[in-house]
Protein backbone atom coordinates (compact mmCIF):
# COMPACT_ATOMS: atom_id res chain seq x y z
CA UNK A 1 132.04 38.19 143.55
CA UNK A 2 130.89 35.71 146.21
CA UNK A 3 127.69 35.04 144.30
CA UNK A 4 130.11 34.12 141.15
CA UNK A 5 132.47 32.09 143.04
CA UNK A 6 130.00 30.04 144.46
CA UNK A 7 127.92 29.68 141.17
CA UNK A 8 131.37 28.01 139.84
CA UNK A 9 132.30 25.95 142.74
CA UNK A 10 128.61 24.44 142.80
CA UNK A 11 127.64 24.23 139.25
CA UNK A 12 124.53 25.56 140.13
CA UNK A 13 122.66 26.97 137.41
CA UNK A 14 120.73 30.34 137.99
CA UNK A 15 118.14 31.83 135.05
CA UNK A 16 117.45 35.28 135.25
CA UNK A 17 113.93 36.34 133.41
CA UNK A 18 111.14 38.64 133.97
CA UNK A 19 112.51 40.46 136.97
CA UNK A 20 113.65 37.53 138.90
CA UNK A 21 116.58 34.90 138.99
CA UNK A 22 115.33 31.30 139.20
CA UNK A 23 117.17 27.89 140.49
CA UNK A 24 115.31 24.82 139.79
CA UNK A 25 111.80 24.38 138.76
CA UNK A 26 112.67 21.44 138.47
CA UNK A 27 116.08 21.06 139.83
CA UNK A 28 118.83 18.78 138.52
CA UNK A 29 118.03 15.03 139.12
CA UNK A 30 114.35 15.58 139.76
CA UNK A 31 111.81 12.90 139.08
CA UNK A 32 108.25 12.92 138.98
CA UNK A 33 105.29 15.32 139.51
CA UNK A 34 105.72 18.99 140.66
CA UNK A 35 105.24 19.72 144.36
CA UNK A 36 101.60 19.97 145.43
CA UNK A 37 99.84 23.02 146.48
CA UNK A 38 100.73 24.77 149.61
CA UNK A 39 104.81 23.50 149.39
CA UNK A 40 106.01 27.17 148.88
CA UNK A 41 107.09 29.69 151.19
CA UNK A 42 107.42 33.42 151.03
CA UNK A 43 110.68 34.97 152.15
CA UNK A 44 110.28 38.70 152.94
CA UNK A 45 112.68 41.58 154.57
CA UNK A 46 115.59 40.58 152.97
CA UNK A 47 118.57 42.60 152.84
CA UNK A 48 119.58 43.98 149.21
CA UNK A 49 122.84 42.63 149.16
CA UNK A 50 122.18 39.38 150.00
CA UNK A 51 121.89 36.67 147.04
CA UNK A 52 121.63 32.99 146.65
CA UNK A 53 125.13 31.57 147.85
CA UNK A 54 123.47 32.69 151.06
CA UNK A 55 119.82 32.00 150.79
CA UNK A 56 119.70 28.51 149.12
CA UNK A 57 121.88 26.81 151.33
CA UNK A 58 120.16 28.19 154.00
CA UNK A 59 116.78 27.33 152.86
CA UNK A 60 117.91 23.89 151.74
CA UNK A 61 119.12 22.97 155.19
CA UNK A 62 115.56 22.39 156.17
CA UNK A 63 114.44 20.13 153.15
CA UNK A 64 114.68 19.51 149.65
CA UNK A 65 114.28 22.64 147.42
CA UNK A 66 112.40 22.09 143.94
CA UNK A 67 112.62 25.79 143.18
CA UNK A 68 114.30 29.11 144.61
CA UNK A 69 113.02 32.66 143.28
CA UNK A 70 114.85 35.96 143.82
CA UNK A 71 113.50 38.78 142.64
CA UNK A 72 115.39 41.38 141.13
CA UNK A 73 115.80 45.04 140.36
CA UNK A 74 117.26 46.09 136.99
CA UNK A 75 120.27 47.68 139.06
CA UNK A 76 121.35 44.10 139.99
CA UNK A 77 120.08 43.95 143.69
CA UNK A 78 117.14 41.92 145.27
CA UNK A 79 113.67 43.15 145.86
CA UNK A 80 113.61 42.25 149.24
CA UNK A 81 111.83 39.05 148.85
CA UNK A 82 111.67 35.66 147.42
CA UNK A 83 109.66 32.45 147.19
CA UNK A 84 111.29 28.78 148.22
CA UNK A 85 109.18 25.95 146.78
CA UNK A 86 109.97 22.61 148.37
CA UNK A 87 109.59 18.80 147.35
CA UNK A 88 106.61 18.73 149.98
CA UNK A 89 104.34 20.39 152.04
CA UNK A 90 105.99 19.29 155.46
CA UNK A 91 109.39 20.95 154.47
CA UNK A 92 107.65 24.38 153.81
CA UNK A 93 105.98 24.00 157.24
CA UNK A 94 109.41 23.29 158.79
CA UNK A 95 111.04 25.95 156.82
CA UNK A 96 108.47 28.51 158.55
CA UNK A 97 108.86 27.06 161.95
CA UNK A 98 112.71 27.15 161.67
CA UNK A 99 113.38 30.48 159.52
CA UNK A 100 110.60 32.94 160.46
CA UNK A 101 112.19 35.61 162.23
CA UNK A 102 115.94 34.04 161.69
CA UNK A 103 118.92 36.69 161.71
CA UNK A 104 120.36 36.49 158.37
CA UNK A 105 122.52 39.59 159.72
CA UNK A 106 123.08 41.32 162.80
CA UNK A 107 119.72 43.04 163.49
CA UNK A 108 117.98 41.85 160.51
CA UNK A 109 115.37 38.87 160.92
CA UNK A 110 113.52 37.95 157.66
CA UNK A 111 109.99 37.03 157.38
CA UNK A 112 109.01 33.46 156.39
CA UNK A 113 105.34 32.70 156.09
CA UNK A 114 102.90 30.51 153.76
CA UNK A 115 103.08 31.81 150.14
CA UNK A 116 99.38 32.24 148.69
CA UNK A 117 99.63 30.58 145.64
CA UNK A 118 97.09 32.78 143.58
CA UNK A 119 96.09 30.96 140.40
CA UNK A 120 92.95 33.38 139.19
CA UNK A 121 93.14 36.67 137.42
CA UNK A 122 90.47 39.10 136.41
CA UNK A 123 90.53 41.18 133.21
CA UNK A 124 88.05 44.25 133.37
CA UNK A 125 86.71 46.43 130.65
CA UNK A 126 86.55 44.22 127.74
CA UNK A 127 84.48 45.13 124.70
CA UNK A 128 81.03 43.23 124.72
CA UNK A 129 81.63 42.45 121.18
CA UNK A 130 85.01 40.55 121.71
CA UNK A 131 84.53 37.14 120.36
CA UNK A 132 85.34 34.11 122.59
CA UNK A 133 87.87 32.56 120.00
CA UNK A 134 89.89 35.59 119.76
CA UNK A 135 90.06 35.88 123.56
CA UNK A 136 91.03 32.22 124.05
CA UNK A 137 93.63 32.62 121.52
CA UNK A 138 94.99 35.64 122.68
CA UNK A 139 95.35 34.54 126.11
CA UNK A 140 96.92 31.21 125.19
CA UNK A 141 99.53 33.46 123.54
CA UNK A 142 100.45 35.16 126.95
CA UNK A 143 101.29 32.36 129.01
CA UNK A 144 100.48 28.51 129.29
CA UNK A 145 98.92 26.69 131.97
CA UNK A 146 95.30 28.27 131.66
CA UNK A 147 92.44 25.99 132.67
CA UNK A 148 89.22 27.98 132.01
CA UNK A 149 88.10 31.40 130.86
CA UNK A 150 84.51 32.67 132.37
CA UNK A 151 82.68 35.80 130.85
CA UNK A 152 80.55 37.93 133.10
CA UNK A 153 79.02 41.25 132.38
CA UNK A 154 81.33 43.50 134.16
CA UNK A 155 80.04 44.82 137.39
CA UNK A 156 82.04 48.13 137.50
CA UNK A 157 81.72 49.62 133.67
CA UNK A 158 78.95 49.96 131.32
CA UNK A 159 78.53 47.92 127.97
CA UNK A 160 81.85 45.80 128.89
CA UNK A 161 82.70 42.03 129.84
CA UNK A 162 85.03 40.82 132.94
CA UNK A 163 87.03 37.62 132.34
CA UNK A 164 87.87 35.31 135.04
CA UNK A 165 91.06 33.41 133.91
CA UNK A 166 91.97 30.21 136.23
CA UNK A 167 95.69 29.07 135.57
CA UNK A 168 97.39 25.64 136.66
CA UNK A 169 99.81 27.35 138.73
CA UNK A 170 100.56 30.81 140.54
CA UNK A 171 103.92 31.28 138.03
CA UNK A 172 101.66 30.53 135.01
CA UNK A 173 98.97 33.02 136.24
CA UNK A 174 101.87 35.61 137.02
CA UNK A 175 103.38 35.31 133.52
CA UNK A 176 99.97 36.01 131.91
CA UNK A 177 99.22 38.92 134.24
CA UNK A 178 102.88 40.37 133.52
CA UNK A 179 102.21 39.68 129.69
CA UNK A 180 98.82 41.51 129.83
CA UNK A 181 99.65 44.57 131.98
CA UNK A 182 102.95 45.25 129.67
CA UNK A 183 100.88 44.93 126.43
CA UNK A 184 103.00 42.30 125.29
CA UNK A 185 99.50 40.36 124.57
CA UNK A 186 97.01 42.92 123.39
CA UNK A 187 93.44 41.54 123.22
CA UNK A 188 91.46 44.76 122.44
CA UNK A 189 91.89 48.38 121.87
CA UNK A 190 89.86 49.57 124.91
CA UNK A 191 91.63 50.17 127.87
CA UNK A 192 91.24 46.98 130.22
CA UNK A 193 92.12 46.43 133.78
CA UNK A 194 94.17 42.93 134.86
CA UNK A 195 94.44 42.22 138.43
CA UNK A 196 94.80 39.21 140.70
CA UNK A 197 90.71 38.08 141.31
CA UNK A 198 90.11 39.53 144.57
CA UNK A 199 87.91 37.88 147.20
CA UNK A 200 85.34 40.35 147.28
CA UNK A 201 85.08 40.38 143.26
CA UNK A 202 84.90 36.75 143.20
CA UNK A 203 81.86 36.68 146.11
CA UNK A 204 80.25 39.77 144.01
CA UNK A 205 80.43 37.23 140.51
CA UNK A 206 79.25 34.27 142.36
CA UNK A 207 76.12 35.95 143.77
CA UNK A 208 75.45 37.87 140.27
CA UNK A 209 72.16 37.05 138.91
CA UNK A 210 73.68 36.91 135.61
CA UNK A 211 74.20 33.81 133.72
CA UNK A 212 78.18 33.41 133.15
CA UNK A 213 79.44 32.18 130.00
CA UNK A 214 82.25 29.49 130.33
CA UNK A 215 84.91 28.73 127.45
CA UNK A 216 86.01 25.09 128.32
CA UNK A 217 89.76 24.75 127.71
CA UNK A 218 90.84 21.20 127.89
CA UNK A 219 94.06 20.28 129.36
CA UNK A 220 96.75 18.74 127.23
CA UNK A 221 95.07 19.99 123.79
CA UNK A 222 95.80 22.55 121.57
CA UNK A 223 93.02 25.81 121.46
CA UNK A 224 93.41 25.58 117.51
CA UNK A 225 91.97 22.16 117.79
CA UNK A 226 88.95 21.62 115.45
CA UNK A 227 86.40 21.14 117.82
CA UNK A 228 83.01 21.16 115.49
CA UNK A 229 83.28 17.94 113.53
CA UNK A 230 80.48 15.84 113.76
CA UNK A 231 80.96 12.19 114.99
CA UNK A 232 79.46 9.54 113.01
CA UNK A 233 77.52 7.51 115.51
CA UNK A 234 74.28 5.15 115.63
CA UNK A 235 71.09 6.57 115.75
CA UNK A 236 70.04 3.93 118.44
CA UNK A 237 72.25 5.57 120.82
CA UNK A 238 70.19 7.62 123.29
CA UNK A 239 72.87 9.95 125.32
CA UNK A 240 76.44 11.36 124.86
CA UNK A 241 77.69 9.00 127.32
CA UNK A 242 76.84 6.13 125.37
CA UNK A 243 77.95 7.75 122.46
CA UNK A 244 81.59 8.23 123.79
CA UNK A 245 81.65 4.91 125.09
CA UNK A 246 80.73 3.22 122.07
CA UNK A 247 83.21 5.50 120.23
CA UNK A 248 86.11 4.37 122.65
CA UNK A 249 84.95 0.92 122.11
CA UNK A 250 85.12 0.91 118.46
CA UNK A 251 88.59 2.25 118.46
CA UNK A 252 89.76 0.38 120.95
CA UNK A 253 90.31 2.88 123.79
CA UNK A 254 89.20 1.65 126.85
CA UNK A 255 86.07 2.78 128.97
CA UNK A 256 86.18 6.35 129.86
CA UNK A 257 86.30 7.04 133.65
CA UNK A 258 84.80 10.53 134.64
CA UNK A 259 85.39 12.50 137.71
CA UNK A 260 83.51 15.49 138.71
CA UNK A 261 83.63 17.94 141.38
CA UNK A 262 81.14 21.02 142.26
CA UNK A 263 83.28 23.78 142.98
CA UNK A 264 80.81 26.96 143.24
CA UNK A 265 77.16 27.15 143.36
CA UNK A 266 75.27 30.49 142.54
CA UNK A 267 72.14 31.57 144.08
CA UNK A 268 70.55 31.42 140.95
CA UNK A 269 71.09 28.02 140.20
CA UNK A 270 74.13 27.74 138.25
CA UNK A 271 76.70 25.44 139.52
CA UNK A 272 80.17 25.26 138.37
CA UNK A 273 81.91 21.87 138.15
CA UNK A 274 85.76 20.76 137.71
CA UNK A 275 85.23 17.52 135.19
CA UNK A 276 88.00 15.11 133.97
CA UNK A 277 87.52 11.94 132.26
CA UNK A 278 90.42 9.40 131.59
CA UNK A 279 90.29 7.20 128.60
CA UNK A 280 92.97 4.26 129.25
CA UNK A 281 94.60 4.48 125.67
CA UNK A 282 94.34 7.82 125.14
CA UNK A 283 97.78 9.69 126.27
CA UNK A 284 96.07 13.02 128.18
CA UNK A 285 93.10 13.15 130.39
CA UNK A 286 90.63 15.69 129.22
CA UNK A 287 89.75 18.25 131.87
CA UNK A 288 88.17 21.42 132.48
CA UNK A 289 85.31 23.93 134.12
CA UNK A 290 81.64 23.72 133.12
CA UNK A 291 78.70 25.70 134.01
CA UNK A 292 75.51 23.61 134.31
CA UNK A 293 71.85 24.62 135.86
CA UNK A 294 70.27 22.33 138.41
CA UNK A 295 66.73 22.92 137.31
CA UNK A 296 65.72 19.36 136.17
CA UNK A 297 64.28 17.63 138.83
CA UNK A 298 65.82 13.97 139.35
CA UNK A 299 68.94 15.19 136.93
CA UNK A 300 72.15 16.00 139.19
CA UNK A 301 74.73 18.64 138.36
CA UNK A 302 77.40 15.88 138.21
CA UNK A 303 75.26 14.31 135.68
CA UNK A 304 74.79 17.03 133.58
CA UNK A 305 78.65 18.03 133.61
CA UNK A 306 79.52 14.50 132.87
CA UNK A 307 76.97 14.77 129.63
CA UNK A 308 78.49 18.31 128.87
CA UNK A 309 82.21 17.20 128.93
CA UNK A 310 81.41 13.99 127.04
CA UNK A 311 80.30 16.06 124.08
CA UNK A 312 83.13 18.23 123.84
CA UNK A 313 85.50 15.09 124.02
CA UNK A 314 83.32 13.38 121.41
CA UNK A 315 84.07 16.38 119.29
CA UNK A 316 87.57 16.45 120.01
CA UNK A 317 88.03 12.32 119.10
CA UNK A 318 85.39 12.84 116.28
CA UNK A 319 88.03 15.18 114.51
CA UNK A 320 91.15 13.42 115.14
CA UNK A 321 90.26 9.69 115.06
CA UNK A 322 87.61 9.75 111.80
């Protein structure tokens, strides 16, 4: 009753979905991008009869909230933990300092610590015959925000594949995990195991001698966008960077700007790059993850990643603009 009265008095909007009740994300009047990684805190050891009418004002007292998520049981009690995301990292740090071990009831001190915003899942037990296009389409249906899909031979199951999925946020990854585990998204008939990507498995895959196979998922583009059309280009041009630059000039899109960052290196010479190209007159940047092999003297991994990204963008723009 106190919660209902508080909601009516404040006009606050709480949305319950998938076992959690959420405020904000973004809150009313929010302007700009979502807060950066590191702005969220985990709240544990909550009394089960404590709700947002007490918790939200308490956590708002140390900084502006972007989102508050209270985990709920089917009977309507909270599950003893919640997440508070602030507008910046400084407010999250202040919340930990001020509210960790804070007594919300006599003899009941809560836990407040940095939230580990996991964004990577592993799916083991996939059939070796599973086609990439089918896997990509099914995962896009499970949840939004997927950035990359990398396939490896399973280190645990014979004649099976393991997929590593990277998402744009913890929420997107959690929604995908829930959908996959509950069977709402069916990838194949075989038994599969879905879990957060564990550090030991990540290290095992990094040191694997097997060549990984990556599916590049461009941000802001539909997975069903045609990608195989040929771009009509002059034979005088000697590489894909020149070709992309020429296409952008011809279409008056501006000069492409590339950004690359090496995020992973395997002992066998394979490098994983995060790549992005910004085309001034195009509405969204193109970004994704690329595996390249550092095996040509004088050619840097950054240059090879740029070439690979430029080729992908050429295919997409060639379909959309020709």
